[in-house]
N, C-alpha and C. Protein backbone atom coordinates (compact mmCIF):
# COMPACT_ATOMS: atom_id res chain seq x y z
N UNK A 1 0.85 -1.19 0.00
CA UNK A 1 0.00 0.00 0.00
C UNK A 1 0.88 1.24 0.00
N UNK A 2 0.54 2.22 -0.82
CA UNK A 2 1.31 3.44 -0.87
C UNK A 2 0.99 4.31 0.35
N UNK A 3 1.88 5.24 0.64
CA UNK A 3 1.66 6.17 1.74
C UNK A 3 2.19 7.54 1.35
N UNK A 4 1.71 8.55 2.04
CA UNK A 4 2.04 9.93 1.72
C UNK A 4 2.46 10.67 2.99
N UNK A 5 3.00 11.84 2.79
CA UNK A 5 3.51 12.64 3.91
C UNK A 5 2.36 13.18 4.76
N UNK A 6 2.64 13.29 6.05
CA UNK A 6 1.73 13.95 6.99
C UNK A 6 2.45 15.17 7.58
N UNK A 7 1.77 16.31 7.55
CA UNK A 7 2.22 17.50 8.25
C UNK A 7 1.29 17.69 9.45
N UNK A 8 1.86 17.67 10.64
CA UNK A 8 1.07 17.86 11.86
C UNK A 8 1.43 19.20 12.46
N UNK A 9 0.46 20.11 12.46
CA UNK A 9 0.62 21.42 13.07
C UNK A 9 0.14 21.30 14.51
N UNK A 10 1.01 21.61 15.44
CA UNK A 10 0.70 21.50 16.87
C UNK A 10 0.66 22.90 17.48
N UNK A 11 -0.38 23.19 18.22
CA UNK A 11 -0.48 24.49 18.90
C UNK A 11 -1.01 24.29 20.30
N UNK A 12 -0.36 24.90 21.25
CA UNK A 12 -0.93 24.94 22.60
C UNK A 12 -2.11 25.91 22.58
N UNK A 13 -3.11 25.65 23.40
CA UNK A 13 -4.28 26.52 23.50
C UNK A 13 -3.87 27.95 23.86
N UNK A 14 -4.77 28.90 23.64
CA UNK A 14 -4.53 30.27 24.05
C UNK A 14 -4.54 30.43 25.57
N UNK A 15 -4.11 31.60 26.00
CA UNK A 15 -4.07 31.87 27.44
C UNK A 15 -5.46 31.67 28.05
N UNK A 16 -5.50 30.98 29.18
CA UNK A 16 -6.78 30.65 29.82
C UNK A 16 -7.12 31.66 30.91
N UNK A 17 -8.40 31.70 31.25
CA UNK A 17 -8.86 32.45 32.42
C UNK A 17 -8.27 31.82 33.68
N UNK A 18 -8.21 32.57 34.77
CA UNK A 18 -7.64 31.99 36.01
C UNK A 18 -8.30 30.68 36.44
N UNK A 19 -9.61 30.54 36.23
CA UNK A 19 -10.28 29.30 36.62
C UNK A 19 -10.28 28.24 35.50
N UNK A 20 -9.62 28.56 34.38
CA UNK A 20 -9.47 27.64 33.24
C UNK A 20 -10.81 27.24 32.62
N UNK A 21 -11.83 28.06 32.79
CA UNK A 21 -13.14 27.75 32.21
C UNK A 21 -13.22 28.13 30.73
N UNK A 22 -12.22 28.75 30.22
CA UNK A 22 -12.17 29.17 28.83
C UNK A 22 -10.99 30.08 28.62
N UNK A 23 -10.99 30.80 27.51
CA UNK A 23 -9.87 31.68 27.19
C UNK A 23 -10.06 33.07 27.79
N UNK A 24 -8.95 33.67 28.16
CA UNK A 24 -8.96 35.08 28.51
C UNK A 24 -9.11 35.91 27.23
N UNK A 25 -9.28 37.20 27.39
CA UNK A 25 -9.35 38.08 26.21
C UNK A 25 -8.06 37.98 25.41
N UNK A 26 -6.94 37.92 26.10
CA UNK A 26 -5.65 37.77 25.41
C UNK A 26 -5.59 36.43 24.69
N UNK A 27 -6.12 35.38 25.33
CA UNK A 27 -6.12 34.07 24.70
C UNK A 27 -6.97 34.04 23.43
N UNK A 28 -8.09 34.74 23.44
CA UNK A 28 -8.91 34.83 22.24
C UNK A 28 -8.16 35.53 21.12
N UNK A 29 -7.46 36.60 21.44
CA UNK A 29 -6.67 37.31 20.43
C UNK A 29 -5.57 36.40 19.88
N UNK A 30 -4.91 35.66 20.77
CA UNK A 30 -3.87 34.73 20.32
C UNK A 30 -4.43 33.71 19.32
N UNK A 31 -5.60 33.16 19.65
CA UNK A 31 -6.21 32.15 18.78
C UNK A 31 -6.58 32.74 17.43
N UNK A 32 -7.15 33.93 17.42
CA UNK A 32 -7.51 34.57 16.15
C UNK A 32 -6.27 34.81 15.29
N UNK A 33 -5.19 35.23 15.91
CA UNK A 33 -3.96 35.50 15.16
C UNK A 33 -3.34 34.22 14.63
N UNK A 34 -3.43 33.14 15.40
CA UNK A 34 -2.95 31.86 14.89
C UNK A 34 -3.80 31.43 13.70
N UNK A 35 -5.12 31.63 13.79
CA UNK A 35 -5.98 31.29 12.66
C UNK A 35 -5.61 32.07 11.41
N UNK A 36 -5.33 33.36 11.57
CA UNK A 36 -4.93 34.17 10.42
C UNK A 36 -3.62 33.66 9.82
N UNK A 37 -2.72 33.25 10.70
CA UNK A 37 -1.44 32.73 10.19
C UNK A 37 -1.65 31.46 9.37
N UNK A 38 -2.54 30.58 9.83
CA UNK A 38 -2.74 29.30 9.16
C UNK A 38 -3.70 29.38 7.99
N UNK A 39 -4.42 30.49 7.86
CA UNK A 39 -5.36 30.63 6.74
C UNK A 39 -4.60 30.46 5.42
N UNK A 40 -5.18 29.69 4.54
CA UNK A 40 -4.52 29.42 3.26
C UNK A 40 -3.69 28.15 3.25
N UNK A 41 -3.37 27.62 4.43
CA UNK A 41 -2.69 26.33 4.48
C UNK A 41 -3.72 25.23 4.18
N UNK A 42 -3.31 24.14 3.56
CA UNK A 42 -4.28 23.09 3.17
C UNK A 42 -4.64 22.16 4.32
N UNK A 43 -5.04 22.74 5.43
CA UNK A 43 -5.38 21.95 6.62
C UNK A 43 -6.78 21.38 6.46
N UNK A 44 -6.87 20.06 6.55
CA UNK A 44 -8.14 19.38 6.30
C UNK A 44 -8.81 18.88 7.57
N UNK A 45 -8.13 18.96 8.72
CA UNK A 45 -8.70 18.48 9.98
C UNK A 45 -8.15 19.30 11.12
N UNK A 46 -9.02 19.61 12.09
CA UNK A 46 -8.61 20.30 13.31
C UNK A 46 -9.04 19.44 14.49
N UNK A 47 -8.07 18.90 15.21
CA UNK A 47 -8.32 18.08 16.38
C UNK A 47 -8.04 18.92 17.63
N UNK A 48 -8.73 18.62 18.71
CA UNK A 48 -8.46 19.34 19.95
C UNK A 48 -8.81 18.47 21.15
N UNK A 49 -8.23 18.82 22.27
CA UNK A 49 -8.55 18.13 23.50
C UNK A 49 -9.92 18.52 24.03
N UNK A 50 -10.44 17.79 25.02
CA UNK A 50 -11.80 18.02 25.49
C UNK A 50 -11.97 19.22 26.41
N UNK A 51 -10.89 19.78 26.96
CA UNK A 51 -11.03 20.88 27.89
C UNK A 51 -11.40 22.17 27.17
N UNK A 52 -12.10 23.05 27.90
CA UNK A 52 -12.70 24.24 27.28
C UNK A 52 -11.66 25.13 26.61
N UNK A 53 -10.48 25.29 27.22
CA UNK A 53 -9.50 26.21 26.65
C UNK A 53 -8.96 25.71 25.31
N UNK A 54 -8.86 24.40 25.15
CA UNK A 54 -8.42 23.85 23.86
C UNK A 54 -9.55 23.89 22.84
N UNK A 55 -10.77 23.56 23.27
CA UNK A 55 -11.91 23.55 22.35
C UNK A 55 -12.19 24.95 21.82
N UNK A 56 -12.14 25.96 22.69
CA UNK A 56 -12.41 27.32 22.26
C UNK A 56 -11.33 27.81 21.30
N UNK A 57 -10.08 27.50 21.61
CA UNK A 57 -8.99 27.87 20.70
C UNK A 57 -9.20 27.25 19.33
N UNK A 58 -9.54 25.97 19.31
CA UNK A 58 -9.73 25.26 18.04
C UNK A 58 -10.85 25.90 17.23
N UNK A 59 -11.95 26.27 17.89
CA UNK A 59 -13.06 26.89 17.16
C UNK A 59 -12.66 28.22 16.54
N UNK A 60 -11.91 29.03 17.28
CA UNK A 60 -11.49 30.32 16.75
C UNK A 60 -10.52 30.16 15.59
N UNK A 61 -9.60 29.23 15.71
CA UNK A 61 -8.64 28.99 14.62
C UNK A 61 -9.37 28.43 13.40
N UNK A 62 -10.26 27.47 13.63
CA UNK A 62 -10.97 26.83 12.51
C UNK A 62 -11.85 27.81 11.75
N UNK A 63 -12.21 28.93 12.37
CA UNK A 63 -12.96 29.95 11.67
C UNK A 63 -12.22 30.53 10.48
N UNK A 64 -10.92 30.31 10.45
CA UNK A 64 -10.08 30.79 9.33
C UNK A 64 -9.73 29.66 8.37
N UNK A 65 -10.24 28.46 8.63
CA UNK A 65 -9.88 27.28 7.84
C UNK A 65 -11.17 26.68 7.27
N UNK A 66 -11.60 27.11 6.11
CA UNK A 66 -12.91 26.70 5.59
C UNK A 66 -13.05 25.21 5.30
N UNK A 67 -11.93 24.50 5.15
CA UNK A 67 -12.01 23.08 4.81
C UNK A 67 -11.89 22.16 6.01
N UNK A 68 -11.92 22.72 7.23
CA UNK A 68 -11.71 21.89 8.41
C UNK A 68 -12.71 22.27 9.50
N UNK A 69 -13.26 21.25 10.17
CA UNK A 69 -14.15 21.46 11.31
C UNK A 69 -13.50 20.88 12.56
N UNK A 70 -13.64 21.56 13.70
CA UNK A 70 -13.03 21.05 14.93
C UNK A 70 -13.64 19.73 15.39
N UNK A 71 -12.80 18.85 15.91
CA UNK A 71 -13.24 17.55 16.40
C UNK A 71 -12.49 17.23 17.69
N UNK A 72 -13.23 16.92 18.76
CA UNK A 72 -12.62 16.64 20.05
C UNK A 72 -12.08 15.22 20.11
N UNK A 73 -10.97 15.06 20.84
CA UNK A 73 -10.37 13.74 21.02
C UNK A 73 -9.80 13.65 22.43
N UNK A 74 -10.15 12.60 23.16
CA UNK A 74 -9.66 12.46 24.52
C UNK A 74 -8.14 12.36 24.57
N UNK A 75 -7.55 11.71 23.57
CA UNK A 75 -6.09 11.54 23.60
C UNK A 75 -5.35 12.83 23.25
N UNK A 76 -6.09 13.89 22.89
CA UNK A 76 -5.49 15.20 22.67
C UNK A 76 -5.60 16.07 23.92
N UNK A 77 -5.91 15.47 25.06
CA UNK A 77 -6.15 16.22 26.28
C UNK A 77 -4.89 16.53 27.07
N UNK A 78 -5.11 16.93 28.32
CA UNK A 78 -4.02 17.37 29.20
C UNK A 78 -3.72 16.26 30.20
N UNK A 79 -2.58 15.62 30.05
CA UNK A 79 -2.20 14.51 30.91
C UNK A 79 -0.68 14.35 30.89
N UNK A 80 -0.18 13.55 31.80
CA UNK A 80 1.26 13.27 31.87
C UNK A 80 1.53 12.05 31.00
N UNK A 81 2.27 12.19 29.90
CA UNK A 81 2.41 11.07 28.97
C UNK A 81 3.32 9.95 29.45
N UNK A 82 4.24 10.28 30.35
CA UNK A 82 5.19 9.25 30.79
C UNK A 82 5.82 9.72 32.09
N UNK A 83 5.90 8.82 33.06
CA UNK A 83 6.54 9.12 34.34
C UNK A 83 7.81 8.28 34.46
N UNK A 84 8.97 8.90 34.40
CA UNK A 84 10.21 8.13 34.44
C UNK A 84 10.58 7.68 35.85
N UNK A 85 11.38 6.65 35.91
CA UNK A 85 12.04 6.26 37.15
C UNK A 85 13.26 7.16 37.35
N UNK A 86 13.66 7.32 38.59
CA UNK A 86 14.82 8.16 38.88
C UNK A 86 16.06 7.73 38.08
N UNK A 87 16.24 6.44 37.92
CA UNK A 87 17.45 5.94 37.24
C UNK A 87 17.52 6.36 35.78
N UNK A 88 16.37 6.70 35.17
CA UNK A 88 16.37 7.14 33.77
C UNK A 88 16.84 8.57 33.60
N UNK A 89 16.80 9.35 34.67
CA UNK A 89 17.01 10.79 34.58
C UNK A 89 18.47 11.16 34.82
N UNK A 90 18.92 12.27 34.26
CA UNK A 90 20.26 12.76 34.58
C UNK A 90 20.37 13.03 36.07
N UNK A 91 21.46 12.61 36.66
CA UNK A 91 21.61 12.72 38.11
C UNK A 91 21.48 14.15 38.60
N UNK A 92 21.97 15.11 37.81
CA UNK A 92 21.99 16.48 38.29
C UNK A 92 20.64 17.18 38.20
N UNK A 93 19.67 16.59 37.52
CA UNK A 93 18.35 17.22 37.42
C UNK A 93 17.21 16.31 37.87
N UNK A 94 17.52 15.12 38.36
CA UNK A 94 16.47 14.17 38.75
C UNK A 94 15.58 14.73 39.85
N UNK A 95 16.16 15.36 40.87
CA UNK A 95 15.35 15.89 41.96
C UNK A 95 14.38 16.94 41.44
N UNK A 96 14.85 17.84 40.60
CA UNK A 96 14.00 18.89 40.06
C UNK A 96 12.85 18.30 39.24
N UNK A 97 13.16 17.37 38.36
CA UNK A 97 12.13 16.80 37.48
C UNK A 97 11.11 15.98 38.25
N UNK A 98 11.55 15.20 39.21
CA UNK A 98 10.61 14.39 39.99
C UNK A 98 9.74 15.27 40.89
N UNK A 99 10.31 16.36 41.41
CA UNK A 99 9.49 17.28 42.20
C UNK A 99 8.44 17.93 41.33
N UNK A 100 8.80 18.29 40.09
CA UNK A 100 7.83 18.86 39.16
C UNK A 100 6.69 17.87 38.90
N UNK A 101 7.02 16.63 38.65
CA UNK A 101 5.98 15.63 38.37
C UNK A 101 5.10 15.38 39.59
N UNK A 102 5.62 15.55 40.77
CA UNK A 102 4.83 15.31 41.98
C UNK A 102 3.70 16.33 42.13
N UNK A 103 3.78 17.44 41.37
CA UNK A 103 2.72 18.46 41.44
C UNK A 103 1.54 18.12 40.54
N UNK A 104 1.68 17.11 39.70
CA UNK A 104 0.56 16.68 38.86
C UNK A 104 -0.33 15.73 39.64
N UNK A 105 -1.55 15.53 39.17
CA UNK A 105 -2.49 14.70 39.91
C UNK A 105 -2.25 13.21 39.63
N UNK A 106 -2.64 12.35 40.57
CA UNK A 106 -2.52 10.91 40.31
C UNK A 106 -3.27 10.50 39.05
N UNK A 107 -4.43 11.10 38.79
CA UNK A 107 -5.20 10.77 37.59
C UNK A 107 -4.42 11.12 36.32
N UNK A 108 -3.79 12.30 36.31
CA UNK A 108 -3.00 12.70 35.14
C UNK A 108 -1.87 11.71 34.88
N UNK A 109 -1.26 11.22 35.96
CA UNK A 109 -0.13 10.30 35.80
C UNK A 109 -0.58 8.88 35.44
N UNK A 110 -1.69 8.43 35.98
CA UNK A 110 -2.13 7.05 35.76
C UNK A 110 -2.73 6.84 34.37
N UNK A 111 -3.52 7.80 33.91
CA UNK A 111 -4.18 7.65 32.61
C UNK A 111 -3.29 8.06 31.45
N UNK A 112 -2.26 8.83 31.73
CA UNK A 112 -1.47 9.43 30.67
C UNK A 112 -0.80 8.48 29.68
N UNK A 113 -0.09 7.46 30.14
CA UNK A 113 0.63 6.61 29.18
C UNK A 113 -0.25 5.97 28.12
N UNK A 114 -1.43 5.49 28.51
CA UNK A 114 -2.33 4.88 27.52
C UNK A 114 -2.83 5.92 26.52
N UNK A 115 -3.17 7.11 27.01
CA UNK A 115 -3.63 8.18 26.11
C UNK A 115 -2.50 8.63 25.19
N UNK A 116 -1.28 8.70 25.73
CA UNK A 116 -0.15 9.10 24.90
C UNK A 116 0.09 8.10 23.77
N UNK A 117 -0.05 6.81 24.07
CA UNK A 117 0.10 5.79 23.02
C UNK A 117 -0.98 5.95 21.95
N UNK A 118 -2.21 6.28 22.37
CA UNK A 118 -3.28 6.51 21.41
C UNK A 118 -2.98 7.72 20.54
N UNK A 119 -2.42 8.78 21.14
CA UNK A 119 -2.10 9.98 20.38
C UNK A 119 -1.04 9.70 19.32
N UNK A 120 -0.03 8.92 19.68
CA UNK A 120 1.00 8.55 18.70
C UNK A 120 0.39 7.75 17.56
N UNK A 121 -0.48 6.82 17.90
CA UNK A 121 -1.13 5.99 16.87
C UNK A 121 -2.00 6.83 15.94
N UNK A 122 -2.70 7.80 16.51
CA UNK A 122 -3.67 8.56 15.72
C UNK A 122 -3.05 9.71 14.92
N UNK A 123 -2.03 10.36 15.48
CA UNK A 123 -1.59 11.63 14.90
C UNK A 123 -0.20 11.60 14.26
N UNK A 124 0.51 10.49 14.30
CA UNK A 124 1.88 10.49 13.78
C UNK A 124 2.04 9.50 12.64
N UNK A 125 3.14 9.66 11.91
CA UNK A 125 3.50 8.75 10.83
C UNK A 125 2.90 9.16 9.49
N UNK A 126 3.46 8.64 8.39
CA UNK A 126 2.86 8.86 7.07
C UNK A 126 1.42 8.35 7.03
N UNK A 127 0.65 8.83 6.07
CA UNK A 127 -0.76 8.47 5.97
C UNK A 127 -0.98 7.53 4.78
N UNK A 128 -1.96 6.64 4.86
CA UNK A 128 -2.23 5.74 3.74
C UNK A 128 -2.67 6.53 2.49
N UNK A 129 -2.34 5.98 1.33
CA UNK A 129 -2.76 6.60 0.08
C UNK A 129 -1.69 7.49 -0.51
N UNK A 130 -2.09 8.32 -1.46
CA UNK A 130 -1.12 9.16 -2.16
C UNK A 130 -1.38 10.66 -1.97
N UNK A 131 -2.26 11.02 -1.01
CA UNK A 131 -2.58 12.41 -0.77
C UNK A 131 -1.88 12.91 0.50
N UNK A 132 -1.05 13.94 0.35
CA UNK A 132 -0.40 14.56 1.51
C UNK A 132 -1.48 15.12 2.44
N UNK A 133 -1.32 14.91 3.74
CA UNK A 133 -2.31 15.37 4.71
C UNK A 133 -1.71 16.45 5.61
N UNK A 134 -2.48 17.52 5.82
CA UNK A 134 -2.13 18.59 6.75
C UNK A 134 -3.20 18.63 7.83
N UNK A 135 -2.80 18.46 9.10
CA UNK A 135 -3.73 18.43 10.22
C UNK A 135 -3.25 19.37 11.31
N UNK A 136 -4.20 19.97 12.01
CA UNK A 136 -3.89 20.81 13.17
C UNK A 136 -4.37 20.12 14.43
N UNK A 137 -3.51 20.10 15.43
CA UNK A 137 -3.86 19.55 16.74
C UNK A 137 -3.69 20.66 17.78
N UNK A 138 -4.80 21.11 18.34
CA UNK A 138 -4.78 22.12 19.40
C UNK A 138 -4.84 21.39 20.73
N UNK A 139 -3.80 21.50 21.51
CA UNK A 139 -3.68 20.65 22.69
C UNK A 139 -2.97 21.39 23.81
N UNK A 140 -2.20 20.65 24.59
CA UNK A 140 -1.58 21.19 25.79
C UNK A 140 -0.07 20.94 25.76
N UNK A 141 0.61 21.62 26.65
CA UNK A 141 2.08 21.61 26.64
C UNK A 141 2.66 20.21 26.68
N UNK A 142 2.15 19.36 27.57
CA UNK A 142 2.76 18.05 27.76
C UNK A 142 2.67 17.19 26.50
N UNK A 143 1.52 17.19 25.83
CA UNK A 143 1.37 16.33 24.65
C UNK A 143 2.23 16.84 23.49
N UNK A 144 2.32 18.15 23.32
CA UNK A 144 3.21 18.65 22.27
C UNK A 144 4.63 18.17 22.54
N UNK A 145 5.08 18.29 23.78
CA UNK A 145 6.43 17.84 24.12
C UNK A 145 6.61 16.35 23.84
N UNK A 146 5.58 15.56 24.16
CA UNK A 146 5.67 14.11 23.93
C UNK A 146 5.79 13.79 22.44
N UNK A 147 5.02 14.48 21.61
CA UNK A 147 5.06 14.19 20.17
C UNK A 147 6.35 14.68 19.52
N UNK A 148 6.90 15.78 20.00
CA UNK A 148 8.21 16.23 19.51
C UNK A 148 9.27 15.21 19.90
N UNK A 149 9.23 14.77 21.17
CA UNK A 149 10.18 13.75 21.63
C UNK A 149 10.08 12.49 20.78
N UNK A 150 8.84 12.09 20.49
CA UNK A 150 8.63 10.89 19.69
C UNK A 150 9.22 11.06 18.29
N UNK A 151 8.97 12.20 17.67
CA UNK A 151 9.48 12.43 16.32
C UNK A 151 11.00 12.37 16.27
N UNK A 152 11.65 12.83 17.33
CA UNK A 152 13.11 12.85 17.37
C UNK A 152 13.71 11.53 17.84
N UNK A 153 12.87 10.60 18.27
CA UNK A 153 13.38 9.33 18.78
C UNK A 153 14.18 9.49 20.06
N UNK A 154 13.86 10.50 20.85
CA UNK A 154 14.57 10.77 22.09
C UNK A 154 14.08 9.83 23.20
N UNK A 155 14.84 9.68 24.28
CA UNK A 155 14.40 8.84 25.39
C UNK A 155 13.03 9.27 25.90
N UNK A 156 12.28 8.33 26.45
CA UNK A 156 10.90 8.60 26.85
C UNK A 156 10.79 9.74 27.86
N UNK A 157 11.76 9.90 28.73
CA UNK A 157 11.67 10.94 29.75
C UNK A 157 11.88 12.33 29.17
N UNK A 158 12.37 12.42 27.92
CA UNK A 158 12.85 13.71 27.42
C UNK A 158 11.75 14.66 26.98
N UNK A 159 10.48 14.27 27.15
CA UNK A 159 9.41 15.26 26.97
C UNK A 159 9.52 16.34 28.04
N UNK A 160 10.08 15.98 29.17
CA UNK A 160 10.30 16.96 30.24
C UNK A 160 11.33 17.99 29.80
N UNK A 161 11.02 19.23 30.02
CA UNK A 161 11.93 20.31 29.64
C UNK A 161 11.63 20.93 28.29
N UNK A 162 10.69 20.35 27.53
CA UNK A 162 10.25 20.96 26.28
C UNK A 162 8.98 21.76 26.58
N UNK A 163 9.04 23.07 26.42
CA UNK A 163 7.95 23.93 26.82
C UNK A 163 7.42 24.74 25.64
N UNK A 164 6.14 25.13 25.73
CA UNK A 164 5.47 25.77 24.61
C UNK A 164 4.59 26.89 25.11
N UNK A 165 4.68 28.04 24.44
CA UNK A 165 3.87 29.19 24.80
C UNK A 165 2.45 29.02 24.27
N UNK A 166 1.54 29.79 24.80
CA UNK A 166 0.16 29.76 24.32
C UNK A 166 0.11 30.14 22.85
N UNK A 167 -0.47 29.28 22.05
CA UNK A 167 -0.59 29.33 20.58
C UNK A 167 0.76 29.35 19.87
N UNK A 168 1.84 28.98 20.56
CA UNK A 168 3.09 28.74 19.85
C UNK A 168 2.90 27.60 18.86
N UNK A 169 3.49 27.73 17.69
CA UNK A 169 3.25 26.76 16.61
C UNK A 169 4.46 25.85 16.42
N UNK A 170 4.19 24.55 16.42
CA UNK A 170 5.19 23.52 16.14
C UNK A 170 4.67 22.72 14.95
N UNK A 171 5.55 22.39 14.02
CA UNK A 171 5.14 21.61 12.85
C UNK A 171 6.07 20.41 12.69
N UNK A 172 5.47 19.22 12.66
CA UNK A 172 6.21 17.98 12.45
C UNK A 172 5.82 17.40 11.09
N UNK A 173 6.78 16.73 10.45
CA UNK A 173 6.49 16.11 9.15
C UNK A 173 6.99 14.68 9.15
N UNK A 174 6.13 13.79 8.69
CA UNK A 174 6.50 12.40 8.45
C UNK A 174 6.40 12.14 6.95
N UNK A 175 7.50 11.72 6.35
CA UNK A 175 7.56 11.45 4.92
C UNK A 175 7.99 10.01 4.72
N UNK A 176 7.32 9.24 3.88
CA UNK A 176 7.72 7.84 3.66
C UNK A 176 9.20 7.74 3.27
N UNK A 177 9.89 6.83 3.92
CA UNK A 177 11.28 6.59 3.59
C UNK A 177 12.27 7.57 4.16
N UNK A 178 11.80 8.50 4.99
CA UNK A 178 12.70 9.49 5.60
C UNK A 178 12.43 9.56 7.10
N UNK A 179 13.42 10.04 7.87
CA UNK A 179 13.15 10.22 9.30
C UNK A 179 12.18 11.37 9.52
N UNK A 180 11.45 11.35 10.63
CA UNK A 180 10.56 12.48 10.94
C UNK A 180 11.36 13.78 11.06
N UNK A 181 10.70 14.90 10.77
CA UNK A 181 11.36 16.19 10.81
C UNK A 181 10.58 17.16 11.68
N UNK A 182 11.30 17.97 12.44
CA UNK A 182 10.71 19.08 13.18
C UNK A 182 10.96 20.34 12.36
N UNK A 183 9.91 20.86 11.74
CA UNK A 183 10.05 22.01 10.84
C UNK A 183 9.98 23.33 11.59
N UNK A 184 9.18 23.39 12.62
CA UNK A 184 9.07 24.57 13.48
C UNK A 184 8.89 24.09 14.91
N UNK A 185 9.34 24.91 15.86
CA UNK A 185 9.11 24.58 17.26
C UNK A 185 8.82 25.84 18.05
N UNK A 186 7.64 25.90 18.67
CA UNK A 186 7.23 27.01 19.53
C UNK A 186 7.37 28.36 18.83
N UNK A 187 7.03 28.42 17.56
CA UNK A 187 7.17 29.65 16.78
C UNK A 187 6.01 30.59 17.11
N UNK A 188 6.33 31.83 17.44
CA UNK A 188 5.32 32.79 17.87
C UNK A 188 5.29 34.04 16.99
N UNK A 189 5.76 33.93 15.77
CA UNK A 189 5.88 35.13 14.93
C UNK A 189 4.52 35.74 14.58
N UNK A 190 3.44 34.98 14.74
CA UNK A 190 2.10 35.53 14.47
C UNK A 190 1.59 36.42 15.60
N UNK A 191 2.30 36.45 16.71
CA UNK A 191 1.86 37.21 17.88
C UNK A 191 2.67 38.49 18.04
N UNK A 192 2.02 39.60 18.41
CA UNK A 192 2.77 40.81 18.76
C UNK A 192 3.50 40.58 20.09
N UNK A 193 4.42 41.46 20.40
CA UNK A 193 5.28 41.26 21.57
C UNK A 193 4.48 41.11 22.86
N UNK A 194 3.37 41.82 22.99
CA UNK A 194 2.62 41.77 24.25
C UNK A 194 1.83 40.48 24.43
N UNK A 195 1.73 39.66 23.38
CA UNK A 195 1.01 38.39 23.48
C UNK A 195 1.94 37.18 23.46
N UNK A 196 3.23 37.40 23.35
CA UNK A 196 4.17 36.27 23.30
C UNK A 196 4.55 35.80 24.70
N UNK A 197 4.95 34.54 24.75
CA UNK A 197 5.55 33.92 25.94
C UNK A 197 4.57 33.75 27.09
N UNK A 198 3.26 33.94 26.88
CA UNK A 198 2.34 33.61 27.96
C UNK A 198 2.34 32.10 28.16
N UNK A 199 2.21 31.69 29.41
CA UNK A 199 2.30 30.27 29.73
C UNK A 199 3.71 29.82 30.04
N UNK A 200 4.69 30.73 29.96
CA UNK A 200 6.08 30.43 30.28
C UNK A 200 6.49 31.13 31.57
N UNK A 201 7.35 30.53 32.37
CA UNK A 201 7.92 31.27 33.50
C UNK A 201 8.64 32.52 33.00
N UNK A 202 8.61 33.58 33.77
CA UNK A 202 9.19 34.86 33.34
C UNK A 202 10.65 34.74 32.96
N UNK A 203 11.40 33.87 33.66
CA UNK A 203 12.82 33.78 33.38
C UNK A 203 13.13 32.98 32.10
N UNK A 204 12.09 32.47 31.43
CA UNK A 204 12.27 31.76 30.16
C UNK A 204 11.93 32.63 28.95
N UNK A 205 11.47 33.85 29.18
CA UNK A 205 11.11 34.71 28.06
C UNK A 205 12.36 35.17 27.33
N UNK A 206 12.28 35.17 25.99
CA UNK A 206 13.41 35.61 25.17
C UNK A 206 13.00 36.79 24.32
C-alpha cells in the first residue's frame, strides 16, 4: 500500500482564564492571530482536547480554515504522557524533574501513558494513500512535548523540559522513507510582543 507525507501542526491553547473555564481576552486574540497565520494552508482536519480552553482555541482557529471542522479527542487532552524512574534521569536534574511531576495529579499520571500511546497511533506517521495530509492539533504543553520527543526518537523521559507558549506553533512532518522532521518549534511570529511567551515562566522569556 502506498503512503504519503503527513504535516502535523501543533499548537498549545490560548491563554486561559484563572479558573481555566475558557480563554482570557488575550487568549482569544492569540487564537484569532494563529488562525490568520494558518489561513490558506491546506489543513483538512482540526483536532483538539476536550477541555474548554483547547476547544475554544480550536473553534477560533478553525474559523479561518474553511475546509476543516473542529473535532474533540480524549487523547489530545491534558495529561502526563510518561513518568520516568529516577534511574532514567540525569543525576543532576532528577530531583528537580521528579518534584515537578509530583505536582501533577494521580489521575494525570495514571491515565497518561495509555492516552499518549493513542495519540502517537492517531496523529503520527505517514498516511495511507497518495494524498499529503495537513492536520492541526490544538492541545496542551505536555502532549506537544511528547510528540516532539517521539518524532526525534529521544528517550521517553525527554518530553520533560520541552515547553510551549500559548498558541506557539510547532510543525512535524513524516515522509515515507525518511526520518521524521521538526520544521518549526514554539514559533510565535504571528503574535505581537505583548502576546508572546504567555504560559512560560518569566525567566524563560526571550
